[in-house]
Amino acid sequence: IGWFRQVPGEEREGISCMSASGMNTKYIE
């Protein structure tokens, strides 16, 4: 699963994601 965000004029970016197992997560700094 993932959460993304987008502001006008910019590309959509992935900010927080989790693996299917739930064991791994990722966040932008």
mmCIF file of all heavy atoms, coordinates in Angstrom:
data_MODEL
# 
_entry.id   MODEL 
# 
loop_
_atom_site.group_PDB 
_atom_site.id 
_atom_site.type_symbol 
_atom_site.label_atom_id 
_atom_site.label_alt_id 
_atom_site.label_comp_id 
_atom_site.label_asym_id 
_atom_site.label_entity_id 
_atom_site.label_seq_id 
_atom_site.pdbx_PDB_ins_code 
_atom_site.Cartn_x 
_atom_site.Cartn_y 
_atom_site.Cartn_z 
_atom_site.occupancy 
_atom_site.B_iso_or_equiv 
_atom_site.pdbx_formal_charge 
_atom_site.auth_seq_id 
_atom_site.auth_comp_id 
_atom_site.auth_asym_id 
_atom_site.auth_atom_id 
_atom_site.pdbx_PDB_model_num 
ATOM 1   N N   . ILE A 1 1  ? 0.849  -1.186 0.000   1.00 0.00 ? 1  ILE A N   1 
ATOM 2   C CA  . ILE A 1 1  ? 0.000  0.000  0.000   1.00 0.00 ? 1  ILE A CA  1 
ATOM 3   C C   . ILE A 1 1  ? 0.888  1.240  0.000   1.00 0.00 ? 1  ILE A C   1 
ATOM 4   O O   . ILE A 1 1  ? 2.030  1.199  0.469   1.00 0.00 ? 1  ILE A O   1 
ATOM 5   C CB  . ILE A 1 1  ? -0.949 0.039  1.218   1.00 0.00 ? 1  ILE A CB  1 
ATOM 6   C CG1 . ILE A 1 1  ? -0.165 -0.033 2.535   1.00 0.00 ? 1  ILE A CG1 1 
ATOM 7   C CG2 . ILE A 1 1  ? -1.973 -1.085 1.132   1.00 0.00 ? 1  ILE A CG2 1 
ATOM 8   C CD1 . ILE A 1 1  ? -1.022 0.115  3.786   1.00 0.00 ? 1  ILE A CD1 1 
ATOM 9   N N   . GLY A 1 2  ? 0.347  2.325  -0.501  1.00 0.00 ? 2  GLY A N   1 
ATOM 10  C CA  . GLY A 1 2  ? 1.137  3.540  -0.539  1.00 0.00 ? 2  GLY A CA  1 
ATOM 11  C C   . GLY A 1 2  ? 0.282  4.785  -0.423  1.00 0.00 ? 2  GLY A C   1 
ATOM 12  O O   . GLY A 1 2  ? -0.892 4.792  -0.786  1.00 0.00 ? 2  GLY A O   1 
ATOM 13  N N   . TRP A 1 3  ? 0.885  5.825  0.115   1.00 0.00 ? 3  TRP A N   1 
ATOM 14  C CA  . TRP A 1 3  ? 0.297  7.161  0.141   1.00 0.00 ? 3  TRP A CA  1 
ATOM 15  C C   . TRP A 1 3  ? 1.185  8.089  -0.679  1.00 0.00 ? 3  TRP A C   1 
ATOM 16  O O   . TRP A 1 3  ? 2.412  8.097  -0.520  1.00 0.00 ? 3  TRP A O   1 
ATOM 17  C CB  . TRP A 1 3  ? 0.177  7.683  1.572   1.00 0.00 ? 3  TRP A CB  1 
ATOM 18  C CG  . TRP A 1 3  ? -0.914 7.040  2.351   1.00 0.00 ? 3  TRP A CG  1 
ATOM 19  C CD1 . TRP A 1 3  ? -0.814 5.986  3.212   1.00 0.00 ? 3  TRP A CD1 1 
ATOM 20  C CD2 . TRP A 1 3  ? -2.302 7.407  2.346   1.00 0.00 ? 3  TRP A CD2 1 
ATOM 21  N NE1 . TRP A 1 3  ? -2.038 5.665  3.731   1.00 0.00 ? 3  TRP A NE1 1 
ATOM 22  C CE2 . TRP A 1 3  ? -2.983 6.529  3.218   1.00 0.00 ? 3  TRP A CE2 1 
ATOM 23  C CE3 . TRP A 1 3  ? -3.048 8.388  1.682   1.00 0.00 ? 3  TRP A CE3 1 
ATOM 24  C CZ2 . TRP A 1 3  ? -4.350 6.603  3.460   1.00 0.00 ? 3  TRP A CZ2 1 
ATOM 25  C CZ3 . TRP A 1 3  ? -4.416 8.464  1.912   1.00 0.00 ? 3  TRP A CZ3 1 
ATOM 26  C CH2 . TRP A 1 3  ? -5.047 7.579  2.789   1.00 0.00 ? 3  TRP A CH2 1 
ATOM 27  N N   . PHE A 1 4  ? 0.551  8.855  -1.516  1.00 0.00 ? 4  PHE A N   1 
ATOM 28  C CA  . PHE A 1 4  ? 1.237  9.789  -2.401  1.00 0.00 ? 4  PHE A CA  1 
ATOM 29  C C   . PHE A 1 4  ? 0.623  11.170 -2.209  1.00 0.00 ? 4  PHE A C   1 
ATOM 30  O O   . PHE A 1 4  ? -0.499 11.292 -1.714  1.00 0.00 ? 4  PHE A O   1 
ATOM 31  C CB  . PHE A 1 4  ? 1.082  9.348  -3.855  1.00 0.00 ? 4  PHE A CB  1 
ATOM 32  C CG  . PHE A 1 4  ? 1.745  8.036  -4.175  1.00 0.00 ? 4  PHE A CG  1 
ATOM 33  C CD1 . PHE A 1 4  ? 1.183  6.837  -3.740  1.00 0.00 ? 4  PHE A CD1 1 
ATOM 34  C CD2 . PHE A 1 4  ? 2.915  7.983  -4.895  1.00 0.00 ? 4  PHE A CD2 1 
ATOM 35  C CE1 . PHE A 1 4  ? 1.790  5.618  -4.026  1.00 0.00 ? 4  PHE A CE1 1 
ATOM 36  C CE2 . PHE A 1 4  ? 3.533  6.779  -5.190  1.00 0.00 ? 4  PHE A CE2 1 
ATOM 37  C CZ  . PHE A 1 4  ? 2.962  5.595  -4.745  1.00 0.00 ? 4  PHE A CZ  1 
ATOM 38  N N   . ARG A 1 5  ? 1.353  12.191 -2.621  1.00 0.00 ? 5  ARG A N   1 
ATOM 39  C CA  . ARG A 1 5  ? 0.782  13.532 -2.583  1.00 0.00 ? 5  ARG A CA  1 
ATOM 40  C C   . ARG A 1 5  ? 1.242  14.315 -3.798  1.00 0.00 ? 5  ARG A C   1 
ATOM 41  O O   . ARG A 1 5  ? 2.282  14.018 -4.395  1.00 0.00 ? 5  ARG A O   1 
ATOM 42  C CB  . ARG A 1 5  ? 1.133  14.260 -1.290  1.00 0.00 ? 5  ARG A CB  1 
ATOM 43  C CG  . ARG A 1 5  ? 2.598  14.638 -1.118  1.00 0.00 ? 5  ARG A CG  1 
ATOM 44  C CD  . ARG A 1 5  ? 2.821  15.226 0.270   1.00 0.00 ? 5  ARG A CD  1 
ATOM 45  N NE  . ARG A 1 5  ? 4.212  15.597 0.472   1.00 0.00 ? 5  ARG A NE  1 
ATOM 46  C CZ  . ARG A 1 5  ? 4.716  15.979 1.651   1.00 0.00 ? 5  ARG A CZ  1 
ATOM 47  N NH1 . ARG A 1 5  ? 3.940  16.023 2.735   1.00 0.00 ? 5  ARG A NH1 1 
ATOM 48  N NH2 . ARG A 1 5  ? 5.984  16.313 1.750   1.00 0.00 ? 5  ARG A NH2 1 
ATOM 49  N N   . GLN A 1 6  ? 0.445  15.318 -4.109  1.00 0.00 ? 6  GLN A N   1 
ATOM 50  C CA  . GLN A 1 6  ? 0.739  16.127 -5.290  1.00 0.00 ? 6  GLN A CA  1 
ATOM 51  C C   . GLN A 1 6  ? 0.301  17.554 -5.060  1.00 0.00 ? 6  GLN A C   1 
ATOM 52  O O   . GLN A 1 6  ? -0.796 17.811 -4.565  1.00 0.00 ? 6  GLN A O   1 
ATOM 53  C CB  . GLN A 1 6  ? 0.025  15.544 -6.518  1.00 0.00 ? 6  GLN A CB  1 
ATOM 54  C CG  . GLN A 1 6  ? 0.412  16.187 -7.828  1.00 0.00 ? 6  GLN A CG  1 
ATOM 55  C CD  . GLN A 1 6  ? -0.145 15.436 -9.020  1.00 0.00 ? 6  GLN A CD  1 
ATOM 56  O OE1 . GLN A 1 6  ? -1.142 14.720 -8.920  1.00 0.00 ? 6  GLN A OE1 1 
ATOM 57  N NE2 . GLN A 1 6  ? 0.495  15.582 -10.176 1.00 0.00 ? 6  GLN A NE2 1 
ATOM 58  N N   . VAL A 1 7  ? 1.182  18.480 -5.411  1.00 0.00 ? 7  VAL A N   1 
ATOM 59  C CA  . VAL A 1 7  ? 0.840  19.896 -5.397  1.00 0.00 ? 7  VAL A CA  1 
ATOM 60  C C   . VAL A 1 7  ? 0.784  20.374 -6.837  1.00 0.00 ? 7  VAL A C   1 
ATOM 61  O O   . VAL A 1 7  ? 1.421  19.784 -7.719  1.00 0.00 ? 7  VAL A O   1 
ATOM 62  C CB  . VAL A 1 7  ? 1.850  20.722 -4.576  1.00 0.00 ? 7  VAL A CB  1 
ATOM 63  C CG1 . VAL A 1 7  ? 1.843  20.268 -3.131  1.00 0.00 ? 7  VAL A CG1 1 
ATOM 64  C CG2 . VAL A 1 7  ? 3.253  20.615 -5.160  1.00 0.00 ? 7  VAL A CG2 1 
ATOM 65  N N   . PRO A 1 8  ? 0.023  21.427 -7.098  1.00 0.00 ? 8  PRO A N   1 
ATOM 66  C CA  . PRO A 1 8  ? -0.109 21.900 -8.482  1.00 0.00 ? 8  PRO A CA  1 
ATOM 67  C C   . PRO A 1 8  ? 1.247  22.200 -9.122  1.00 0.00 ? 8  PRO A C   1 
ATOM 68  O O   . PRO A 1 8  ? 2.110  22.822 -8.496  1.00 0.00 ? 8  PRO A O   1 
ATOM 69  C CB  . PRO A 1 8  ? -0.939 23.184 -8.324  1.00 0.00 ? 8  PRO A CB  1 
ATOM 70  C CG  . PRO A 1 8  ? -1.735 22.945 -7.094  1.00 0.00 ? 8  PRO A CG  1 
ATOM 71  C CD  . PRO A 1 8  ? -0.835 22.174 -6.182  1.00 0.00 ? 8  PRO A CD  1 
ATOM 72  N N   . GLY A 1 9  ? 1.429  21.722 -10.341 1.00 0.00 ? 9  GLY A N   1 
ATOM 73  C CA  . GLY A 1 9  ? 2.659  21.982 -11.069 1.00 0.00 ? 9  GLY A CA  1 
ATOM 74  C C   . GLY A 1 9  ? 3.799  21.040 -10.770 1.00 0.00 ? 9  GLY A C   1 
ATOM 75  O O   . GLY A 1 9  ? 4.876  21.172 -11.352 1.00 0.00 ? 9  GLY A O   1 
ATOM 76  N N   . GLU A 1 10 ? 3.555  20.107 -9.844  1.00 0.00 ? 10 GLU A N   1 
ATOM 77  C CA  . GLU A 1 10 ? 4.619  19.172 -9.498  1.00 0.00 ? 10 GLU A CA  1 
ATOM 78  C C   . GLU A 1 10 ? 4.157  17.737 -9.723  1.00 0.00 ? 10 GLU A C   1 
ATOM 79  O O   . GLU A 1 10 ? 2.973  17.456 -9.806  1.00 0.00 ? 10 GLU A O   1 
ATOM 80  C CB  . GLU A 1 10 ? 5.047  19.358 -8.042  1.00 0.00 ? 10 GLU A CB  1 
ATOM 81  C CG  . GLU A 1 10 ? 5.665  20.714 -7.767  1.00 0.00 ? 10 GLU A CG  1 
ATOM 82  C CD  . GLU A 1 10 ? 6.201  20.837 -6.350  1.00 0.00 ? 10 GLU A CD  1 
ATOM 83  O OE1 . GLU A 1 10 ? 6.359  19.801 -5.676  1.00 0.00 ? 10 GLU A OE1 1 
ATOM 84  O OE2 . GLU A 1 10 ? 6.472  21.974 -5.931  1.00 0.00 ? 10 GLU A OE2 1 
ATOM 85  N N   . GLU A 1 11 ? 5.118  16.845 -9.781  1.00 0.00 ? 11 GLU A N   1 
ATOM 86  C CA  . GLU A 1 11 ? 4.794  15.436 -9.956  1.00 0.00 ? 11 GLU A CA  1 
ATOM 87  C C   . GLU A 1 11 ? 4.265  14.842 -8.652  1.00 0.00 ? 11 GLU A C   1 
ATOM 88  O O   . GLU A 1 11 ? 4.622  15.294 -7.567  1.00 0.00 ? 11 GLU A O   1 
ATOM 89  C CB  . GLU A 1 11 ? 6.043  14.663 -10.405 1.00 0.00 ? 11 GLU A CB  1 
ATOM 90  C CG  . GLU A 1 11 ? 6.500  14.989 -11.809 1.00 0.00 ? 11 GLU A CG  1 
ATOM 91  C CD  . GLU A 1 11 ? 7.619  14.078 -12.264 1.00 0.00 ? 11 GLU A CD  1 
ATOM 92  O OE1 . GLU A 1 11 ? 8.080  13.246 -11.468 1.00 0.00 ? 11 GLU A OE1 1 
ATOM 93  O OE2 . GLU A 1 11 ? 8.034  14.214 -13.430 1.00 0.00 ? 11 GLU A OE2 1 
ATOM 94  N N   . ARG A 1 12 ? 3.440  13.832 -8.804  1.00 0.00 ? 12 ARG A N   1 
ATOM 95  C CA  . ARG A 1 12 ? 2.971  13.100 -7.644  1.00 0.00 ? 12 ARG A CA  1 
ATOM 96  C C   . ARG A 1 12 ? 4.140  12.315 -7.056  1.00 0.00 ? 12 ARG A C   1 
ATOM 97  O O   . ARG A 1 12 ? 4.906  11.695 -7.792  1.00 0.00 ? 12 ARG A O   1 
ATOM 98  C CB  . ARG A 1 12 ? 1.852  12.138 -8.058  1.00 0.00 ? 12 ARG A CB  1 
ATOM 99  C CG  . ARG A 1 12 ? 1.064  11.546 -6.945  1.00 0.00 ? 12 ARG A CG  1 
ATOM 100 C CD  . ARG A 1 12 ? -0.141 10.783 -7.465  1.00 0.00 ? 12 ARG A CD  1 
ATOM 101 N NE  . ARG A 1 12 ? -1.069 11.641 -8.190  1.00 0.00 ? 12 ARG A NE  1 
ATOM 102 C CZ  . ARG A 1 12 ? -2.242 11.230 -8.662  1.00 0.00 ? 12 ARG A CZ  1 
ATOM 103 N NH1 . ARG A 1 12 ? -2.621 9.966  -8.485  1.00 0.00 ? 12 ARG A NH1 1 
ATOM 104 N NH2 . ARG A 1 12 ? -3.024 12.052 -9.321  1.00 0.00 ? 12 ARG A NH2 1 
ATOM 105 N N   . GLU A 1 13 ? 4.273  12.366 -5.729  1.00 0.00 ? 13 GLU A N   1 
ATOM 106 C CA  . GLU A 1 13 ? 5.399  11.680 -5.088  1.00 0.00 ? 13 GLU A CA  1 
ATOM 107 C C   . GLU A 1 13 ? 4.909  10.707 -4.024  1.00 0.00 ? 13 GLU A C   1 
ATOM 108 O O   . GLU A 1 13 ? 3.945  10.967 -3.316  1.00 0.00 ? 13 GLU A O   1 
ATOM 109 C CB  . GLU A 1 13 ? 6.371  12.686 -4.469  1.00 0.00 ? 13 GLU A CB  1 
ATOM 110 C CG  . GLU A 1 13 ? 5.804  13.490 -3.315  1.00 0.00 ? 13 GLU A CG  1 
ATOM 111 C CD  . GLU A 1 13 ? 6.847  14.316 -2.568  1.00 0.00 ? 13 GLU A CD  1 
ATOM 112 O OE1 . GLU A 1 13 ? 8.057  14.043 -2.739  1.00 0.00 ? 13 GLU A OE1 1 
ATOM 113 O OE2 . GLU A 1 13 ? 6.455  15.222 -1.806  1.00 0.00 ? 13 GLU A OE2 1 
ATOM 114 N N   . GLY A 1 14 ? 5.614  9.608  -3.923  1.00 0.00 ? 14 GLY A N   1 
ATOM 115 C CA  . GLY A 1 14 ? 5.319  8.632  -2.888  1.00 0.00 ? 14 GLY A CA  1 
ATOM 116 C C   . GLY A 1 14 ? 5.909  9.100  -1.578  1.00 0.00 ? 14 GLY A C   1 
ATOM 117 O O   . GLY A 1 14 ? 7.099  9.408  -1.507  1.00 0.00 ? 14 GLY A O   1 
ATOM 118 N N   . ILE A 1 15 ? 5.111  9.172  -0.533  1.00 0.00 ? 15 ILE A N   1 
ATOM 119 C CA  . ILE A 1 15 ? 5.609  9.678  0.738   1.00 0.00 ? 15 ILE A CA  1 
ATOM 120 C C   . ILE A 1 15 ? 5.685  8.606  1.808   1.00 0.00 ? 15 ILE A C   1 
ATOM 121 O O   . ILE A 1 15 ? 6.502  8.697  2.727   1.00 0.00 ? 15 ILE A O   1 
ATOM 122 C CB  . ILE A 1 15 ? 4.765  10.866 1.246   1.00 0.00 ? 15 ILE A CB  1 
ATOM 123 C CG1 . ILE A 1 15 ? 3.292  10.469 1.404   1.00 0.00 ? 15 ILE A CG1 1 
ATOM 124 C CG2 . ILE A 1 15 ? 4.914  12.054 0.323   1.00 0.00 ? 15 ILE A CG2 1 
ATOM 125 C CD1 . ILE A 1 15 ? 2.477  11.499 2.158   1.00 0.00 ? 15 ILE A CD1 1 
ATOM 126 N N   . SER A 1 16 ? 4.840  7.593  1.725   1.00 0.00 ? 16 SER A N   1 
ATOM 127 C CA  . SER A 1 16 ? 4.859  6.552  2.731   1.00 0.00 ? 16 SER A CA  1 
ATOM 128 C C   . SER A 1 16 ? 4.253  5.293  2.143   1.00 0.00 ? 16 SER A C   1 
ATOM 129 O O   . SER A 1 16 ? 3.151  5.342  1.593   1.00 0.00 ? 16 SER A O   1 
ATOM 130 C CB  . SER A 1 16 ? 4.054  6.999  3.957   1.00 0.00 ? 16 SER A CB  1 
ATOM 131 O OG  . SER A 1 16 ? 4.059  5.986  4.943   1.00 0.00 ? 16 SER A OG  1 
ATOM 132 N N   . CYS A 1 17 ? 4.963  4.183  2.271   1.00 0.00 ? 17 CYS A N   1 
ATOM 133 C CA  . CYS A 1 17 ? 4.512  2.943  1.660   1.00 0.00 ? 17 CYS A CA  1 
ATOM 134 C C   . CYS A 1 17 ? 4.808  1.766  2.585   1.00 0.00 ? 17 CYS A C   1 
ATOM 135 O O   . CYS A 1 17 ? 5.713  1.844  3.430   1.00 0.00 ? 17 CYS A O   1 
ATOM 136 C CB  . CYS A 1 17 ? 5.195  2.734  0.308   1.00 0.00 ? 17 CYS A CB  1 
ATOM 137 S SG  . CYS A 1 17 ? 4.918  4.098  -0.848  1.00 0.00 ? 17 CYS A SG  1 
ATOM 138 N N   . MET A 1 18 ? 4.030  0.722  2.427   1.00 0.00 ? 18 MET A N   1 
ATOM 139 C CA  . MET A 1 18 ? 4.185  -0.461 3.274   1.00 0.00 ? 18 MET A CA  1 
ATOM 140 C C   . MET A 1 18 ? 4.107  -1.703 2.398   1.00 0.00 ? 18 MET A C   1 
ATOM 141 O O   . MET A 1 18 ? 3.270  -1.787 1.501   1.00 0.00 ? 18 MET A O   1 
ATOM 142 C CB  . MET A 1 18 ? 3.091  -0.486 4.336   1.00 0.00 ? 18 MET A CB  1 
ATOM 143 C CG  . MET A 1 18 ? 3.104  -1.713 5.251   1.00 0.00 ? 18 MET A CG  1 
ATOM 144 S SD  . MET A 1 18 ? 1.725  -1.705 6.417   1.00 0.00 ? 18 MET A SD  1 
ATOM 145 C CE  . MET A 1 18 ? 2.336  -0.517 7.620   1.00 0.00 ? 18 MET A CE  1 
ATOM 146 N N   . SER A 1 19 ? 4.949  -2.663 2.698   1.00 0.00 ? 19 SER A N   1 
ATOM 147 C CA  . SER A 1 19 ? 4.928  -3.912 1.936   1.00 0.00 ? 19 SER A CA  1 
ATOM 148 C C   . SER A 1 19 ? 3.685  -4.729 2.271   1.00 0.00 ? 19 SER A C   1 
ATOM 149 O O   . SER A 1 19 ? 3.023  -4.490 3.292   1.00 0.00 ? 19 SER A O   1 
ATOM 150 C CB  . SER A 1 19 ? 6.183  -4.726 2.257   1.00 0.00 ? 19 SER A CB  1 
ATOM 151 O OG  . SER A 1 19 ? 6.202  -5.072 3.632   1.00 0.00 ? 19 SER A OG  1 
ATOM 152 N N   . ALA A 1 20 ? 3.387  -5.699 1.457   1.00 0.00 ? 20 ALA A N   1 
ATOM 153 C CA  . ALA A 1 20 ? 2.206  -6.541 1.668   1.00 0.00 ? 20 ALA A CA  1 
ATOM 154 C C   . ALA A 1 20 ? 2.265  -7.259 3.013   1.00 0.00 ? 20 ALA A C   1 
ATOM 155 O O   . ALA A 1 20 ? 1.250  -7.413 3.699   1.00 0.00 ? 20 ALA A O   1 
ATOM 156 C CB  . ALA A 1 20 ? 2.081  -7.544 0.527   1.00 0.00 ? 20 ALA A CB  1 
ATOM 157 N N   . SER A 1 21 ? 3.450  -7.675 3.400   1.00 0.00 ? 21 SER A N   1 
ATOM 158 C CA  . SER A 1 21 ? 3.599  -8.376 4.671   1.00 0.00 ? 21 SER A CA  1 
ATOM 159 C C   . SER A 1 21 ? 3.450  -7.443 5.862   1.00 0.00 ? 21 SER A C   1 
ATOM 160 O O   . SER A 1 21 ? 3.218  -7.890 6.984   1.00 0.00 ? 21 SER A O   1 
ATOM 161 C CB  . SER A 1 21 ? 4.979  -9.040 4.735   1.00 0.00 ? 21 SER A CB  1 
ATOM 162 O OG  . SER A 1 21 ? 6.000  -8.056 4.816   1.00 0.00 ? 21 SER A OG  1 
ATOM 163 N N   . GLY A 1 22 ? 3.620  -6.154 5.611   1.00 0.00 ? 22 GLY A N   1 
ATOM 164 C CA  . GLY A 1 22 ? 3.607  -5.191 6.705   1.00 0.00 ? 22 GLY A CA  1 
ATOM 165 C C   . GLY A 1 22 ? 4.947  -5.061 7.408   1.00 0.00 ? 22 GLY A C   1 
ATOM 166 O O   . GLY A 1 22 ? 5.118  -4.229 8.302   1.00 0.00 ? 22 GLY A O   1 
ATOM 167 N N   . MET A 1 23 ? 5.917  -5.862 6.971   1.00 0.00 ? 23 MET A N   1 
ATOM 168 C CA  . MET A 1 23 ? 7.214  -5.869 7.651   1.00 0.00 ? 23 MET A CA  1 
ATOM 169 C C   . MET A 1 23 ? 8.105  -4.710 7.239   1.00 0.00 ? 23 MET A C   1 
ATOM 170 O O   . MET A 1 23 ? 9.032  -4.350 7.957   1.00 0.00 ? 23 MET A O   1 
ATOM 171 C CB  . MET A 1 23 ? 7.937  -7.184 7.330   1.00 0.00 ? 23 MET A CB  1 
ATOM 172 C CG  . MET A 1 23 ? 7.236  -8.423 7.854   1.00 0.00 ? 23 MET A CG  1 
ATOM 173 S SD  . MET A 1 23 ? 7.275  -8.505 9.652   1.00 0.00 ? 23 MET A SD  1 
ATOM 174 C CE  . MET A 1 23 ? 9.007  -8.862 9.913   1.00 0.00 ? 23 MET A CE  1 
ATOM 175 N N   . ASN A 1 24 ? 7.845  -4.144 6.081   1.00 0.00 ? 24 ASN A N   1 
ATOM 176 C CA  . ASN A 1 24 ? 8.691  -3.063 5.575   1.00 0.00 ? 24 ASN A CA  1 
ATOM 177 C C   . ASN A 1 24 ? 7.868  -1.815 5.306   1.00 0.00 ? 24 ASN A C   1 
ATOM 178 O O   . ASN A 1 24 ? 6.799  -1.882 4.707   1.00 0.00 ? 24 ASN A O   1 
ATOM 179 C CB  . ASN A 1 24 ? 9.382  -3.489 4.280   1.00 0.00 ? 24 ASN A CB  1 
ATOM 180 C CG  . ASN A 1 24 ? 10.304 -4.666 4.486   1.00 0.00 ? 24 ASN A CG  1 
ATOM 181 O OD1 . ASN A 1 24 ? 11.249 -4.587 5.257   1.00 0.00 ? 24 ASN A OD1 1 
ATOM 182 N ND2 . ASN A 1 24 ? 10.022 -5.768 3.807   1.00 0.00 ? 24 ASN A ND2 1 
ATOM 183 N N   . THR A 1 25 ? 8.383  -0.685 5.762   1.00 0.00 ? 25 THR A N   1 
ATOM 184 C CA  . THR A 1 25 ? 7.766  0.596  5.471   1.00 0.00 ? 25 THR A CA  1 
ATOM 185 C C   . THR A 1 25 ? 8.823  1.549  4.920   1.00 0.00 ? 25 THR A C   1 
ATOM 186 O O   . THR A 1 25 ? 10.023 1.363  5.151   1.00 0.00 ? 25 THR A O   1 
ATOM 187 C CB  . THR A 1 25 ? 7.136  1.230  6.722   1.00 0.00 ? 25 THR A CB  1 
ATOM 188 O OG1 . THR A 1 25 ? 8.132  1.349  7.746   1.00 0.00 ? 25 THR A OG1 1 
ATOM 189 C CG2 . THR A 1 25 ? 5.977  0.394  7.233   1.00 0.00 ? 25 THR A CG2 1 
ATOM 190 N N   . LYS A 1 26 ? 8.347  2.531  4.225   1.00 0.00 ? 26 LYS A N   1 
ATOM 191 C CA  . LYS A 1 26 ? 9.248  3.502  3.626   1.00 0.00 ? 26 LYS A CA  1 
ATOM 192 C C   . LYS A 1 26 ? 8.620  4.878  3.753   1.00 0.00 ? 26 LYS A C   1 
ATOM 193 O O   . LYS A 1 26 ? 7.417  5.035  3.540   1.00 0.00 ? 26 LYS A O   1 
ATOM 194 C CB  . LYS A 1 26 ? 9.463  3.155  2.151   1.00 0.00 ? 26 LYS A CB  1 
ATOM 195 C CG  . LYS A 1 26 ? 10.718 3.700  1.537   1.00 0.00 ? 26 LYS A CG  1 
ATOM 196 C CD  . LYS A 1 26 ? 10.952 3.068  0.159   1.00 0.00 ? 26 LYS A CD  1 
ATOM 197 C CE  . LYS A 1 26 ? 12.340 3.386  -0.348  1.00 0.00 ? 26 LYS A CE  1 
ATOM 198 N NZ  . LYS A 1 26 ? 12.583 2.794  -1.672  1.00 0.00 ? 26 LYS A NZ  1 
ATOM 199 N N   . TYR A 1 27 ? 9.429  5.857  4.116   1.00 0.00 ? 27 TYR A N   1 
ATOM 200 C CA  . TYR A 1 27 ? 8.974  7.237  4.251   1.00 0.00 ? 27 TYR A CA  1 
ATOM 201 C C   . TYR A 1 27 ? 9.984  8.146  3.582   1.00 0.00 ? 27 TYR A C   1 
ATOM 202 O O   . TYR A 1 27 ? 11.196 7.920  3.671   1.00 0.00 ? 27 TYR A O   1 
ATOM 203 C CB  . TYR A 1 27 ? 8.862  7.651  5.723   1.00 0.00 ? 27 TYR A CB  1 
ATOM 204 C CG  . TYR A 1 27 ? 7.857  6.878  6.534   1.00 0.00 ? 27 TYR A CG  1 
ATOM 205 C CD1 . TYR A 1 27 ? 8.217  5.708  7.196   1.00 0.00 ? 27 TYR A CD1 1 
ATOM 206 C CD2 . TYR A 1 27 ? 6.550  7.324  6.657   1.00 0.00 ? 27 TYR A CD2 1 
ATOM 207 C CE1 . TYR A 1 27 ? 7.291  5.001  7.952   1.00 0.00 ? 27 TYR A CE1 1 
ATOM 208 C CE2 . TYR A 1 27 ? 5.618  6.631  7.416   1.00 0.00 ? 27 TYR A CE2 1 
ATOM 209 C CZ  . TYR A 1 27 ? 5.996  5.470  8.054   1.00 0.00 ? 27 TYR A CZ  1 
ATOM 210 O OH  . TYR A 1 27 ? 5.083  4.765  8.802   1.00 0.00 ? 27 TYR A OH  1 
ATOM 211 N N   . ILE A 1 28 ? 9.480  9.211  2.970   1.00 0.00 ? 28 ILE A N   1 
ATOM 212 C CA  . ILE A 1 28 ? 10.421 10.218 2.495   1.00 0.00 ? 28 ILE A CA  1 
ATOM 213 C C   . ILE A 1 28 ? 10.947 10.973 3.707   1.00 0.00 ? 28 ILE A C   1 
ATOM 214 O O   . ILE A 1 28 ? 10.307 11.041 4.762   1.00 0.00 ? 28 ILE A O   1 
ATOM 215 C CB  . ILE A 1 28 ? 9.785  11.190 1.483   1.00 0.00 ? 28 ILE A CB  1 
ATOM 216 C CG1 . ILE A 1 28 ? 8.584  11.928 2.089   1.00 0.00 ? 28 ILE A CG1 1 
ATOM 217 C CG2 . ILE A 1 28 ? 9.413  10.460 0.216   1.00 0.00 ? 28 ILE A CG2 1 
ATOM 218 C CD1 . ILE A 1 28 ? 8.080  13.063 1.220   1.00 0.00 ? 28 ILE A CD1 1 
ATOM 219 N N   . GLU A 1 29 ? 12.128 11.529 3.549   1.00 0.00 ? 29 GLU A N   1 
ATOM 220 C CA  . GLU A 1 29 ? 12.835 12.133 4.674   1.00 0.00 ? 29 GLU A CA  1 
ATOM 221 C C   . GLU A 1 29 ? 12.010 13.216 5.366   1.00 0.00 ? 29 GLU A C   1 
ATOM 222 O O   . GLU A 1 29 ? 12.008 13.312 6.598   1.00 0.00 ? 29 GLU A O   1 
ATOM 223 C CB  . GLU A 1 29 ? 14.164 12.700 4.188   1.00 0.00 ? 29 GLU A CB  1 
ATOM 224 C CG  . GLU A 1 29 ? 15.142 13.028 5.288   1.00 0.00 ? 29 GLU A CG  1 
ATOM 225 C CD  . GLU A 1 29 ? 15.566 11.802 6.081   1.00 0.00 ? 29 GLU A CD  1 
ATOM 226 O OE1 . GLU A 1 29 ? 15.698 10.714 5.474   1.00 0.00 ? 29 GLU A OE1 1 
ATOM 227 O OE2 . GLU A 1 29 ? 15.750 11.929 7.301   1.00 0.00 ? 29 GLU A OE2 1 
# 
